[in-house]
Every structure is written in C-alpha cells, then in structure tokens.
Amino acid sequence: MKKSSRIFLLIIILILLFCIAGCQKQTVVKDMEDPSPTPQETVQPSEQETQQSEELPEENVVTQPVSAGNETLSWYFVRNSEHKTPGINNDIDFDLADYDAHYIGSKDKVIFLTFDEGYENGYTDEILDTLKANQVPAAFFVTGPYVTGNPELIKRMVAEGHIVGNHSQTHPSMPSKTSDPGQFNQEITKVATAFQDLTGKEMPKFFRPPRGEYSEKSLQMTAELGYKTIFWSFAYQDWLVDQQPDPEASYQKIMQGTHNGQIMLLHAVSSTNTQILDRLIKDIKKEGYRFAPLTELEKV
C-alpha cells in the first residue's frame, strides 16, 4: 500500500474514533438529567384526561353542605285589619319550615293563645282563673329563673292543662350563643331540667326566641335539640308595665287582628291584658274561632 493511502486511512480511523467518543459523552450527560417531568407536564392534563373529567357522571361529584348563616334577624309581621294572614320579613332567604319554625298554626278558624313570662308581675293567677273559667288552653313561655322562682304557678299551669314552653335561661339574643354550642344548648336545657325537677315531667319542646331575635343558624341548632320554634302572627306593645296601653284601644286592636291559625302573643306582666282577657276570649269565640293548644300546630 502506498504511503499516501496509509496516511489517508489513518486519518479516517481517527475521525471515526473521535465521533464515537463524542456520542458516548452525550449519552452519559443525558442519563444524568433529572428524570422527573417538567412543571408544565405536572399541571397540564392530557386531552384524554380532560375529556374524562368533563364526562364524569353527576352523582360522582361531591358537594359540601352549605352552612346556615348567623346574621341576626328580628321577627316582625305586617299587620292588617282584614283578618288575613299577616306578611312577614320577605328578606328571609331560607324556609322557616326547614327548621320547624312556626308563626301560623292552621288554615282554619283556630287561635293559639300564648303568654311570655320573663318574670312575675302578680297577674298570672288571675289570667289562669280566666282561662279556666272559659276552658281555654294556652302556652306560657318561661325563663329558667321564672321556673325556680314561681314553682306553684308552674305546677298550676301544668295541672290545668296548659303548655309550659321554653323561653331560655338568661333571655339572650340566641344568635350570640351559636359560636359556642355548649352555651347555646344550656340556654335551653337548663330550663328544661329545672322544669322536670319541679314537675317530674319532661318539658314540652316548644321554644320562643328571646327578644324575637334569631338567625338561620340559631333555628337550626334549636331544631337539632328537638324543639319547635314558636314565633307569632299577632303582638302589640303590652310589656311596658309603667306605660300600659288603654284597655279599650287594646281590645279593639286585638279583635281587629284575629285571623285563621293566629299565634297570639300576649305578655302576662300586663295589667291591661289581665283586665280585658275574659271579654276578648268570649268575643273571639263569638266570631267562630276555637282556641287550641300548640300540640295541634299544623305545617301551613
């Protein structure tokens, strides 16, 4: 072989050896790279995955229950003189019936007479006498201190067939207690315990929110304790003992406000109510109404 040919062949061999070494070096570097996917690959689903997630059947979608709100609301009704069911707060964005809360008790000519008893002002015995004489059942919503401070009146209410309802232990705004379920429950259960200790009977599970203040959350928590919340479709300013309304004007206002299924709220501390109660009962009956206990409440 000529000398020039051997030199050319040697050059070709050296070039080939250099290329092989370079390829091996690139392979080693590639193998040392991080094998994990890039961030883009991690967060971007494939087209197939996207289609699968969009096509999931509805029953496989997990939804979380919406928590009840705790905005403090004040109960009120819109009075009319046509003996029709009053209007109530139209801003309520939940159904009272979902929490067993009532302000009307029947579609028929039935009236549910209720009294609030935060403290005793000396008129309850006379009110009980009037109810007994007219054979009318009523509900008395009492606080814890009222139960322990007036045991004979409580016993008489029970003996004469009236409902003794729960009006809380300390008469707070119930929404203010919802952040502490223990405190909330005690506002109700302490009254029930005092009643049972006194009478030997379980307290009927009717609750009237103090001050007429409530929230969706407080209604929910009340219902979870097994209580019906009892609002009202008639009330008037009768609780100021030093500013009692005129008896005749009060009589007219109450008579004009009667309507089917009415839950009537009166305060037993009122001298006016005590004075006109017998006349009211007799004249309301003459108009064809029947007085009924809260145990006859219907969902209206």
C-alpha atoms as a PDB file:
ATOM      1  CA  MET A   1       0.000   0.000   0.000  1.00  0.00           C
ATOM      2  CA  LYS A   2       1.299   3.387  -0.899  1.00  0.00           C
ATOM      3  CA  LYS A   3       2.411   5.657   1.861  1.00  0.00           C
ATOM      4  CA  SER A   4      -0.228   8.337   0.978  1.00  0.00           C
ATOM      5  CA  SER A   5      -3.036   5.780   1.151  1.00  0.00           C
ATOM      6  CA  ARG A   6      -1.990   4.600   4.592  1.00  0.00           C
ATOM      7  CA  ILE A   7      -1.959   8.194   5.850  1.00  0.00           C
ATOM      8  CA  PHE A   8      -5.472   8.838   4.438  1.00  0.00           C
ATOM      9  CA  LEU A   9      -6.790   5.624   6.078  1.00  0.00           C
ATOM     10  CA  LEU A  10      -5.248   6.566   9.418  1.00  0.00           C
ATOM     11  CA  ILE A  11      -6.970   9.972   9.274  1.00  0.00           C
ATOM     12  CA  ILE A  12     -10.327   8.306   8.565  1.00  0.00           C
ATOM     13  CA  ILE A  13      -9.888   5.955  11.546  1.00  0.00           C
ATOM     14  CA  LEU A  14      -9.024   8.847  13.886  1.00  0.00           C
ATOM     15  CA  ILE A  15     -12.107  10.777  12.755  1.00  0.00           C
ATOM     16  CA  LEU A  16     -14.319   7.756  13.414  1.00  0.00           C
ATOM     17  CA  LEU A  17     -12.861   7.234  16.875  1.00  0.00           C
ATOM     18  CA  PHE A  18     -13.460  10.897  17.749  1.00  0.00           C
ATOM     19  CA  CYS A  19     -17.118  10.704  16.660  1.00  0.00           C
ATOM     20  CA  ILE A  20     -17.743   7.571  18.733  1.00  0.00           C
ATOM     21  CA  ALA A  21     -16.270   9.194  21.844  1.00  0.00           C
ATOM     22  CA  GLY A  22     -18.434  12.279  21.385  1.00  0.00           C
ATOM     23  CA  CYS A  23     -21.629  10.227  21.132  1.00  0.00           C
ATOM     24  CA  GLN A  24     -20.789   8.298  24.298  1.00  0.00           C
ATOM     25  CA  LYS A  25     -20.205  11.547  26.206  1.00  0.00           C
ATOM     26  CA  GLN A  26     -23.621  12.930  25.115  1.00  0.00           C
ATOM     27  CA  THR A  27     -25.326   9.711  26.242  1.00  0.00           C
ATOM     28  CA  VAL A  28     -23.772   9.912  29.718  1.00  0.00           C
ATOM     29  CA  VAL A  29     -24.876  13.540  30.118  1.00  0.00           C
ATOM     30  CA  LYS A  30     -28.462  12.687  29.069  1.00  0.00           C
ATOM     31  CA  ASP A  31     -28.647   9.851  31.604  1.00  0.00           C
ATOM     32  CA  MET A  32     -27.641  12.216  34.398  1.00  0.00           C
ATOM     33  CA  GLU A  33     -30.550  14.644  33.779  1.00  0.00           C
ATOM     34  CA  ASP A  34     -33.496  14.752  36.296  1.00  0.00           C
ATOM     35  CA  PRO A  35     -35.945  12.104  35.081  1.00  0.00           C
ATOM     36  CA  SER A  36     -38.989  13.792  36.735  1.00  0.00           C
ATOM     37  CA  PRO A  37     -41.489  15.544  34.459  1.00  0.00           C
ATOM     38  CA  THR A  38     -41.322  19.268  33.890  1.00  0.00           C
ATOM     39  CA  PRO A  39     -43.692  21.563  35.861  1.00  0.00           C
ATOM     40  CA  GLN A  40     -45.754  22.033  32.709  1.00  0.00           C
ATOM     41  CA  GLU A  41     -46.155  18.302  32.351  1.00  0.00           C
ATOM     42  CA  THR A  42     -47.173  18.040  36.011  1.00  0.00           C
ATOM     43  CA  VAL A  43     -50.057  20.576  35.922  1.00  0.00           C
ATOM     44  CA  GLN A  44     -51.381  20.153  32.403  1.00  0.00           C
ATOM     45  CA  PRO A  45     -53.680  17.141  31.935  1.00  0.00           C
ATOM     46  CA  SER A  46     -53.699  15.344  28.655  1.00  0.00           C
ATOM     47  CA  GLU A  47     -56.545  15.890  26.233  1.00  0.00           C
ATOM     48  CA  GLN A  48     -57.845  12.442  27.116  1.00  0.00           C
ATOM     49  CA  GLU A  49     -57.791  13.214  30.872  1.00  0.00           C
ATOM     50  CA  THR A  50     -59.624  16.496  30.282  1.00  0.00           C
ATOM     51  CA  GLN A  51     -62.375  14.752  28.359  1.00  0.00           C
ATOM     52  CA  GLN A  52     -62.718  12.109  31.065  1.00  0.00           C
ATOM     53  CA  SER A  53     -63.089  14.693  33.876  1.00  0.00           C
ATOM     54  CA  GLU A  54     -65.714  16.647  31.920  1.00  0.00           C
ATOM     55  CA  GLU A  55     -67.678  13.476  31.277  1.00  0.00           C
ATOM     56  CA  LEU A  56     -67.851  12.329  34.948  1.00  0.00           C
ATOM     57  CA  PRO A  57     -71.438  11.424  35.871  1.00  0.00           C
ATOM     58  CA  GLU A  58     -73.141  13.956  38.169  1.00  0.00           C
ATOM     59  CA  GLU A  59     -73.537  11.501  41.024  1.00  0.00           C
ATOM     60  CA  ASN A  60     -69.749  11.258  41.341  1.00  0.00           C
ATOM     61  CA  VAL A  61     -69.407  14.980  42.053  1.00  0.00           C
ATOM     62  CA  VAL A  62     -69.051  15.583  45.800  1.00  0.00           C
ATOM     63  CA  THR A  63     -70.829  18.705  47.068  1.00  0.00           C
ATOM     64  CA  GLN A  64     -70.339  20.228  50.515  1.00  0.00           C
ATOM     65  CA  PRO A  65     -73.419  21.234  52.582  1.00  0.00           C
ATOM     66  CA  VAL A  66     -73.961  24.963  52.870  1.00  0.00           C
ATOM     67  CA  SER A  67     -73.579  26.215  56.434  1.00  0.00           C
ATOM     68  CA  ALA A  68     -76.525  28.096  57.918  1.00  0.00           C
ATOM     69  CA  GLY A  69     -75.905  31.818  58.244  1.00  0.00           C
ATOM     70  CA  ASN A  70     -75.803  33.578  61.590  1.00  0.00           C
ATOM     71  CA  GLU A  71     -76.998  37.061  60.642  1.00  0.00           C
ATOM     72  CA  THR A  72     -79.188  38.313  63.490  1.00  0.00           C
ATOM     73  CA  LEU A  73     -82.768  38.864  62.337  1.00  0.00           C
ATOM     74  CA  SER A  74     -85.656  40.418  64.254  1.00  0.00           C
ATOM     75  CA  TRP A  75     -89.050  38.797  63.934  1.00  0.00           C
ATOM     76  CA  TYR A  76     -91.841  41.049  62.748  1.00  0.00           C
ATOM     77  CA  PHE A  77     -95.172  40.829  60.947  1.00  0.00           C
ATOM     78  CA  VAL A  78     -97.154  43.235  58.792  1.00  0.00           C
ATOM     79  CA  ARG A  79    -100.479  43.991  60.447  1.00  0.00           C
ATOM     80  CA  ASN A  80    -103.763  44.185  58.516  1.00  0.00           C
ATOM     81  CA  SER A  81    -107.381  44.759  59.542  1.00  0.00           C
ATOM     82  CA  GLU A  82    -108.881  42.301  57.062  1.00  0.00           C
ATOM     83  CA  HIS A  83    -108.425  39.233  59.248  1.00  0.00           C
ATOM     84  CA  LYS A  84    -105.911  37.792  56.789  1.00  0.00           C
ATOM     85  CA  THR A  85    -102.589  36.128  57.494  1.00  0.00           C
ATOM     86  CA  PRO A  86    -100.056  38.897  58.124  1.00  0.00           C
ATOM     87  CA  GLY A  87     -96.998  39.288  55.960  1.00  0.00           C
ATOM     88  CA  ILE A  88     -93.559  38.661  57.423  1.00  0.00           C
ATOM     89  CA  ASN A  89     -89.952  39.579  56.623  1.00  0.00           C
ATOM     90  CA  ASN A  90     -89.552  38.986  52.878  1.00  0.00           C
ATOM     91  CA  ASP A  91     -85.769  39.184  53.153  1.00  0.00           C
ATOM     92  CA  ILE A  92     -85.503  35.768  54.790  1.00  0.00           C
ATOM     93  CA  ASP A  93     -83.612  33.626  52.263  1.00  0.00           C
ATOM     94  CA  PHE A  94     -84.468  30.284  53.850  1.00  0.00           C
ATOM     95  CA  ASP A  95     -87.623  28.347  54.624  1.00  0.00           C
ATOM     96  CA  LEU A  96     -88.792  28.530  58.246  1.00  0.00           C
ATOM     97  CA  ALA A  97     -90.406  25.122  57.852  1.00  0.00           C
ATOM     98  CA  ASP A  98     -86.971  23.569  57.277  1.00  0.00           C
ATOM     99  CA  TYR A  99     -86.218  24.317  60.944  1.00  0.00           C
ATOM    100  CA  ASP A 100     -89.690  23.535  62.351  1.00  0.00           C
ATOM    101  CA  ALA A 101     -90.356  27.243  62.996  1.00  0.00           C
ATOM    102  CA  HIS A 102     -93.958  28.482  63.046  1.00  0.00           C
ATOM    103  CA  TYR A 103     -95.851  31.755  63.148  1.00  0.00           C
ATOM    104  CA  ILE A 104     -99.175  30.386  61.849  1.00  0.00           C
ATOM    105  CA  GLY A 105    -100.665  27.157  63.115  1.00  0.00           C
ATOM    106  CA  SER A 106    -103.696  26.338  60.973  1.00  0.00           C
ATOM    107  CA  LYS A 107    -105.689  27.310  57.907  1.00  0.00           C
ATOM    108  CA  ASP A 108    -108.892  27.043  59.929  1.00  0.00           C
ATOM    109  CA  LYS A 109    -110.525  29.364  62.465  1.00  0.00           C
ATOM    110  CA  VAL A 110    -108.182  28.325  65.229  1.00  0.00           C
ATOM    111  CA  ILE A 111    -106.221  30.599  67.575  1.00  0.00           C
ATOM    112  CA  PHE A 112    -103.198  29.615  69.618  1.00  0.00           C
ATOM    113  CA  LEU A 113    -103.004  31.808  72.706  1.00  0.00           C
ATOM    114  CA  THR A 114     -99.510  32.255  74.163  1.00  0.00           C
ATOM    115  CA  PHE A 115     -98.027  34.294  77.009  1.00  0.00           C
ATOM    116  CA  ASP A 116     -94.399  35.248  77.611  1.00  0.00           C
ATOM    117  CA  GLU A 117     -93.231  35.071  81.222  1.00  0.00           C
ATOM    118  CA  GLY A 118     -89.793  36.567  81.804  1.00  0.00           C
ATOM    119  CA  TYR A 119     -90.724  37.454  85.364  1.00  0.00           C
ATOM    120  CA  GLU A 120     -93.816  37.534  87.561  1.00  0.00           C
ATOM    121  CA  ASN A 121     -95.777  40.767  87.984  1.00  0.00           C
ATOM    122  CA  GLY A 122     -98.667  39.443  90.062  1.00  0.00           C
ATOM    123  CA  TYR A 123    -101.215  38.778  87.288  1.00  0.00           C
ATOM    124  CA  THR A 124    -100.653  35.158  86.313  1.00  0.00           C
ATOM    125  CA  ASP A 125    -103.043  33.690  88.881  1.00  0.00           C
ATOM    126  CA  GLU A 126    -105.856  35.915  87.585  1.00  0.00           C
ATOM    127  CA  ILE A 127    -105.015  35.029  83.991  1.00  0.00           C
ATOM    128  CA  LEU A 128    -105.168  31.333  84.900  1.00  0.00           C
ATOM    129  CA  ASP A 129    -108.536  31.897  86.581  1.00  0.00           C
ATOM    130  CA  THR A 130    -109.899  33.463  83.380  1.00  0.00           C
ATOM    131  CA  LEU A 131    -108.555  30.675  81.188  1.00  0.00           C
ATOM    132  CA  LYS A 132    -110.054  28.053  83.468  1.00  0.00           C
ATOM    133  CA  ALA A 133    -113.457  29.750  83.560  1.00  0.00           C
ATOM    134  CA  ASN A 134    -113.534  29.882  79.742  1.00  0.00           C
ATOM    135  CA  GLN A 135    -111.974  26.426  79.232  1.00  0.00           C
ATOM    136  CA  VAL A 136    -109.228  27.863  77.045  1.00  0.00           C
ATOM    137  CA  PRO A 137    -105.786  26.238  76.721  1.00  0.00           C
ATOM    138  CA  ALA A 138    -102.720  28.453  76.499  1.00  0.00           C
ATOM    139  CA  ALA A 139     -98.944  28.236  76.362  1.00  0.00           C
ATOM    140  CA  PHE A 140     -96.718  30.061  78.842  1.00  0.00           C
ATOM    141  CA  PHE A 141     -93.147  30.613  77.673  1.00  0.00           C
ATOM    142  CA  VAL A 142     -90.999  30.877  80.787  1.00  0.00           C
ATOM    143  CA  THR A 143     -87.361  31.566  81.613  1.00  0.00           C
ATOM    144  CA  GLY A 144     -85.245  29.484  83.973  1.00  0.00           C
ATOM    145  CA  PRO A 145     -85.497  31.961  86.868  1.00  0.00           C
ATOM    146  CA  TYR A 146     -89.268  32.050  86.438  1.00  0.00           C
ATOM    147  CA  VAL A 147     -89.458  28.272  86.904  1.00  0.00           C
ATOM    148  CA  THR A 148     -87.366  28.266  90.076  1.00  0.00           C
ATOM    149  CA  GLY A 149     -88.926  31.453  91.445  1.00  0.00           C
ATOM    150  CA  ASN A 150     -92.588  30.564  90.869  1.00  0.00           C
ATOM    151  CA  PRO A 151     -92.948  26.829  91.431  1.00  0.00           C
ATOM    152  CA  GLU A 152     -96.614  26.922  92.441  1.00  0.00           C
ATOM    153  CA  LEU A 153     -97.616  28.847  89.325  1.00  0.00           C
ATOM    154  CA  ILE A 154     -95.722  26.384  87.118  1.00  0.00           C
ATOM    155  CA  LYS A 155     -97.408  23.454  88.852  1.00  0.00           C
ATOM    156  CA  ARG A 156    -100.799  25.098  88.407  1.00  0.00           C
ATOM    157  CA  MET A 157    -100.201  25.685  84.684  1.00  0.00           C
ATOM    158  CA  VAL A 158     -99.371  22.007  84.242  1.00  0.00           C
ATOM    159  CA  ALA A 159    -102.252  20.781  86.420  1.00  0.00           C
ATOM    160  CA  GLU A 160    -104.764  22.864  84.436  1.00  0.00           C
ATOM    161  CA  GLY A 161    -103.602  21.534  81.089  1.00  0.00           C
ATOM    162  CA  HIS A 162    -101.540  24.410  79.767  1.00  0.00           C
ATOM    163  CA  ILE A 163     -98.256  24.073  77.912  1.00  0.00           C
ATOM    164  CA  VAL A 164     -95.188  25.448  79.649  1.00  0.00           C
ATOM    165  CA  GLY A 165     -92.768  26.384  76.890  1.00  0.00           C
ATOM    166  CA  ASN A 166     -89.097  27.273  76.932  1.00  0.00           C
ATOM    167  CA  HIS A 167     -88.009  30.933  76.789  1.00  0.00           C
ATOM    168  CA  SER A 168     -84.294  30.341  77.614  1.00  0.00           C
ATOM    169  CA  GLN A 169     -82.303  30.511  80.829  1.00  0.00           C
ATOM    170  CA  THR A 170     -80.992  34.088  80.678  1.00  0.00           C
ATOM    171  CA  HIS A 171     -83.087  35.657  77.878  1.00  0.00           C
ATOM    172  CA  PRO A 172     -80.198  36.340  75.473  1.00  0.00           C
ATOM    173  CA  SER A 173     -80.205  37.007  71.744  1.00  0.00           C
ATOM    174  CA  MET A 174     -79.804  33.398  70.629  1.00  0.00           C
ATOM    175  CA  PRO A 175     -77.590  34.137  67.582  1.00  0.00           C
ATOM    176  CA  SER A 176     -74.996  35.499  70.011  1.00  0.00           C
ATOM    177  CA  LYS A 177     -74.678  31.997  71.508  1.00  0.00           C
ATOM    178  CA  THR A 178     -74.266  29.927  68.340  1.00  0.00           C
ATOM    179  CA  SER A 179     -70.454  30.140  68.301  1.00  0.00           C
ATOM    180  CA  ASP A 180     -70.401  28.045  71.491  1.00  0.00           C
ATOM    181  CA  PRO A 181     -72.777  25.073  71.098  1.00  0.00           C
ATOM    182  CA  GLY A 182     -72.391  24.240  74.781  1.00  0.00           C
ATOM    183  CA  GLN A 183     -73.610  27.648  75.899  1.00  0.00           C
ATOM    184  CA  PHE A 184     -76.363  27.638  73.296  1.00  0.00           C
ATOM    185  CA  ASN A 185     -77.650  24.256  74.418  1.00  0.00           C
ATOM    186  CA  GLN A 186     -77.522  25.209  78.099  1.00  0.00           C
ATOM    187  CA  GLU A 187     -79.769  28.201  77.478  1.00  0.00           C
ATOM    188  CA  ILE A 188     -82.456  25.692  76.584  1.00  0.00           C
ATOM    189  CA  THR A 189     -81.587  22.563  78.528  1.00  0.00           C
ATOM    190  CA  LYS A 190     -81.202  24.310  81.904  1.00  0.00           C
ATOM    191  CA  VAL A 191     -84.826  25.472  81.734  1.00  0.00           C
ATOM    192  CA  ALA A 192     -85.984  22.009  80.730  1.00  0.00           C
ATOM    193  CA  THR A 193     -84.049  20.426  83.591  1.00  0.00           C
ATOM    194  CA  ALA A 194     -85.478  22.868  86.141  1.00  0.00           C
ATOM    195  CA  PHE A 195     -88.986  22.166  84.858  1.00  0.00           C
ATOM    196  CA  GLN A 196     -88.531  18.400  85.071  1.00  0.00           C
ATOM    197  CA  ASP A 197     -87.005  18.612  88.530  1.00  0.00           C
ATOM    198  CA  LEU A 198     -90.042  20.595  89.685  1.00  0.00           C
ATOM    199  CA  THR A 199     -92.863  18.721  87.968  1.00  0.00           C
ATOM    200  CA  GLY A 200     -91.416  15.295  87.297  1.00  0.00           C
ATOM    201  CA  LYS A 201     -92.423  15.724  83.646  1.00  0.00           C
ATOM    202  CA  GLU A 202     -90.447  16.394  80.505  1.00  0.00           C
ATOM    203  CA  MET A 203     -90.800  19.969  79.299  1.00  0.00           C
ATOM    204  CA  PRO A 204     -92.814  20.302  76.080  1.00  0.00           C
ATOM    205  CA  LYS A 205     -90.397  21.070  73.242  1.00  0.00           C
ATOM    206  CA  PHE A 206     -91.607  24.487  72.178  1.00  0.00           C
ATOM    207  CA  PHE A 207     -89.140  27.367  72.178  1.00  0.00           C
ATOM    208  CA  ARG A 208     -89.728  31.097  71.806  1.00  0.00           C
ATOM    209  CA  PRO A 209     -86.601  33.106  70.933  1.00  0.00           C
ATOM    210  CA  PRO A 210     -85.982  35.901  73.454  1.00  0.00           C
ATOM    211  CA  ARG A 211     -86.381  39.417  72.048  1.00  0.00           C
ATOM    212  CA  GLY A 212     -87.705  37.879  68.837  1.00  0.00           C
ATOM    213  CA  GLU A 213     -84.100  37.650  67.618  1.00  0.00           C
ATOM    214  CA  TYR A 214     -82.944  34.667  65.606  1.00  0.00           C
ATOM    215  CA  SER A 215     -80.738  33.524  62.743  1.00  0.00           C
ATOM    216  CA  GLU A 216     -80.845  30.588  60.401  1.00  0.00           C
ATOM    217  CA  LYS A 217     -78.084  29.021  62.493  1.00  0.00           C
ATOM    218  CA  SER A 218     -79.934  29.522  65.797  1.00  0.00           C
ATOM    219  CA  LEU A 219     -83.095  27.996  64.311  1.00  0.00           C
ATOM    220  CA  GLN A 220     -81.064  25.052  63.053  1.00  0.00           C
ATOM    221  CA  MET A 221     -79.464  24.478  66.450  1.00  0.00           C
ATOM    222  CA  THR A 222     -82.839  24.768  68.189  1.00  0.00           C
ATOM    223  CA  ALA A 223     -84.325  22.180  65.851  1.00  0.00           C
ATOM    224  CA  GLU A 224     -81.365  19.867  66.465  1.00  0.00           C
ATOM    225  CA  LEU A 225     -82.371  19.858  70.147  1.00  0.00           C
ATOM    226  CA  GLY A 226     -85.812  18.636  69.075  1.00  0.00           C
ATOM    227  CA  TYR A 227     -87.653  21.939  69.655  1.00  0.00           C
ATOM    228  CA  LYS A 228     -90.176  23.752  67.517  1.00  0.00           C
ATOM    229  CA  THR A 229     -89.553  27.491  67.339  1.00  0.00           C
ATOM    230  CA  ILE A 230     -92.742  29.453  68.015  1.00  0.00           C
ATOM    231  CA  PHE A 231     -92.937  32.967  66.587  1.00  0.00           C
ATOM    232  CA  TRP A 232     -96.227  34.866  66.391  1.00  0.00           C
ATOM    233  CA  SER A 233     -98.640  36.498  63.959  1.00  0.00           C
ATOM    234  CA  PHE A 234    -100.025  38.973  66.492  1.00  0.00           C
ATOM    235  CA  ALA A 235     -98.467  41.015  69.273  1.00  0.00           C
ATOM    236  CA  TYR A 236     -98.589  44.599  70.445  1.00  0.00           C
ATOM    237  CA  GLN A 237     -96.762  46.856  72.877  1.00  0.00           C
ATOM    238  CA  ASP A 238     -98.110  45.475  76.138  1.00  0.00           C
ATOM    239  CA  TRP A 239     -94.907  44.710  78.058  1.00  0.00           C
ATOM    240  CA  LEU A 240     -94.057  48.154  79.462  1.00  0.00           C
ATOM    241  CA  VAL A 241     -95.552  47.829  82.930  1.00  0.00           C
ATOM    242  CA  ASP A 242     -95.346  51.573  83.644  1.00  0.00           C
ATOM    243  CA  GLN A 243     -96.855  52.534  80.291  1.00  0.00           C
ATOM    244  CA  GLN A 244     -99.786  50.197  79.935  1.00  0.00           C
ATOM    245  CA  PRO A 245    -101.969  50.729  76.851  1.00  0.00           C
ATOM    246  CA  ASP A 246    -105.593  51.799  77.114  1.00  0.00           C
ATOM    247  CA  PRO A 247    -107.820  48.738  77.692  1.00  0.00           C
ATOM    248  CA  GLU A 248    -110.451  49.680  75.101  1.00  0.00           C
ATOM    249  CA  ALA A 249    -107.883  50.524  72.422  1.00  0.00           C
ATOM    250  CA  SER A 250    -106.085  47.275  73.171  1.00  0.00           C
ATOM    251  CA  TYR A 251    -109.304  45.293  72.945  1.00  0.00           C
ATOM    252  CA  GLN A 252    -110.078  46.803  69.540  1.00  0.00           C
ATOM    253  CA  LYS A 253    -106.557  46.198  68.235  1.00  0.00           C
ATOM    254  CA  ILE A 254    -106.618  42.547  69.280  1.00  0.00           C
ATOM    255  CA  MET A 255    -110.094  41.940  67.843  1.00  0.00           C
ATOM    256  CA  GLN A 256    -109.134  43.558  64.534  1.00  0.00           C
ATOM    257  CA  GLY A 257    -106.044  41.377  64.313  1.00  0.00           C
ATOM    258  CA  THR A 258    -107.685  37.960  64.563  1.00  0.00           C
ATOM    259  CA  HIS A 259    -107.115  35.562  61.658  1.00  0.00           C
ATOM    260  CA  ASN A 260    -107.097  31.849  60.927  1.00  0.00           C
ATOM    261  CA  GLY A 261    -104.292  29.964  62.612  1.00  0.00           C
ATOM    262  CA  GLN A 262    -103.184  33.007  64.593  1.00  0.00           C
ATOM    263  CA  ILE A 263    -100.426  32.550  67.145  1.00  0.00           C
ATOM    264  CA  MET A 264    -101.247  35.355  69.571  1.00  0.00           C
ATOM    265  CA  LEU A 265     -98.502  36.681  71.818  1.00  0.00           C
ATOM    266  CA  LEU A 266     -99.502  38.499  74.991  1.00  0.00           C
ATOM    267  CA  HIS A 267     -97.351  39.371  77.985  1.00  0.00           C
ATOM    268  CA  ALA A 268     -98.576  38.179  81.363  1.00  0.00           C
ATOM    269  CA  VAL A 269     -96.972  41.184  83.119  1.00  0.00           C
ATOM    270  CA  SER A 270     -99.645  43.408  81.545  1.00  0.00           C
ATOM    271  CA  SER A 271    -102.457  44.741  83.716  1.00  0.00           C
ATOM    272  CA  THR A 272    -104.345  45.668  80.535  1.00  0.00           C
ATOM    273  CA  ASN A 273    -104.253  42.127  79.170  1.00  0.00           C
ATOM    274  CA  THR A 274    -105.403  40.759  82.506  1.00  0.00           C
ATOM    275  CA  GLN A 275    -108.306  43.200  82.576  1.00  0.00           C
ATOM    276  CA  ILE A 276    -109.627  42.548  79.057  1.00  0.00           C
ATOM    277  CA  LEU A 277    -108.806  38.839  78.686  1.00  0.00           C
ATOM    278  CA  ASP A 278    -112.238  37.457  79.657  1.00  0.00           C
ATOM    279  CA  ARG A 279    -114.038  39.802  77.257  1.00  0.00           C
ATOM    280  CA  LEU A 280    -111.576  39.017  74.479  1.00  0.00           C
ATOM    281  CA  ILE A 281    -111.975  35.274  74.803  1.00  0.00           C
ATOM    282  CA  LYS A 282    -115.747  35.419  74.816  1.00  0.00           C
ATOM    283  CA  ASP A 283    -115.962  37.758  71.813  1.00  0.00           C
ATOM    284  CA  ILE A 284    -113.351  35.879  69.787  1.00  0.00           C
ATOM    285  CA  LYS A 285    -115.346  32.700  70.325  1.00  0.00           C
ATOM    286  CA  LYS A 286    -118.485  34.515  69.164  1.00  0.00           C
ATOM    287  CA  GLU A 287    -116.716  35.188  65.862  1.00  0.00           C
ATOM    288  CA  GLY A 288    -116.397  31.438  65.336  1.00  0.00           C
ATOM    289  CA  TYR A 289    -112.836  30.890  66.437  1.00  0.00           C
ATOM    290  CA  ARG A 290    -111.654  27.976  68.553  1.00  0.00           C
ATOM    291  CA  PHE A 291    -108.719  28.180  70.961  1.00  0.00           C
ATOM    292  CA  ALA A 292    -106.294  25.263  70.604  1.00  0.00           C
ATOM    293  CA  PRO A 293    -103.048  24.106  72.261  1.00  0.00           C
ATOM    294  CA  LEU A 294     -99.735  24.248  70.399  1.00  0.00           C
ATOM    295  CA  THR A 295     -99.804  20.465  70.137  1.00  0.00           C
ATOM    296  CA  GLU A 296    -102.348  20.993  67.342  1.00  0.00           C
ATOM    297  CA  LEU A 297     -99.974  23.096  65.244  1.00  0.00           C
ATOM    298  CA  GLU A 298    -100.061  22.261  61.578  1.00  0.00           C
ATOM    299  CA  LYS A 299     -97.457  22.969  58.900  1.00  0.00           C
ATOM    300  CA  VAL A 300     -99.101  25.729  56.876  1.00  0.00           C
END
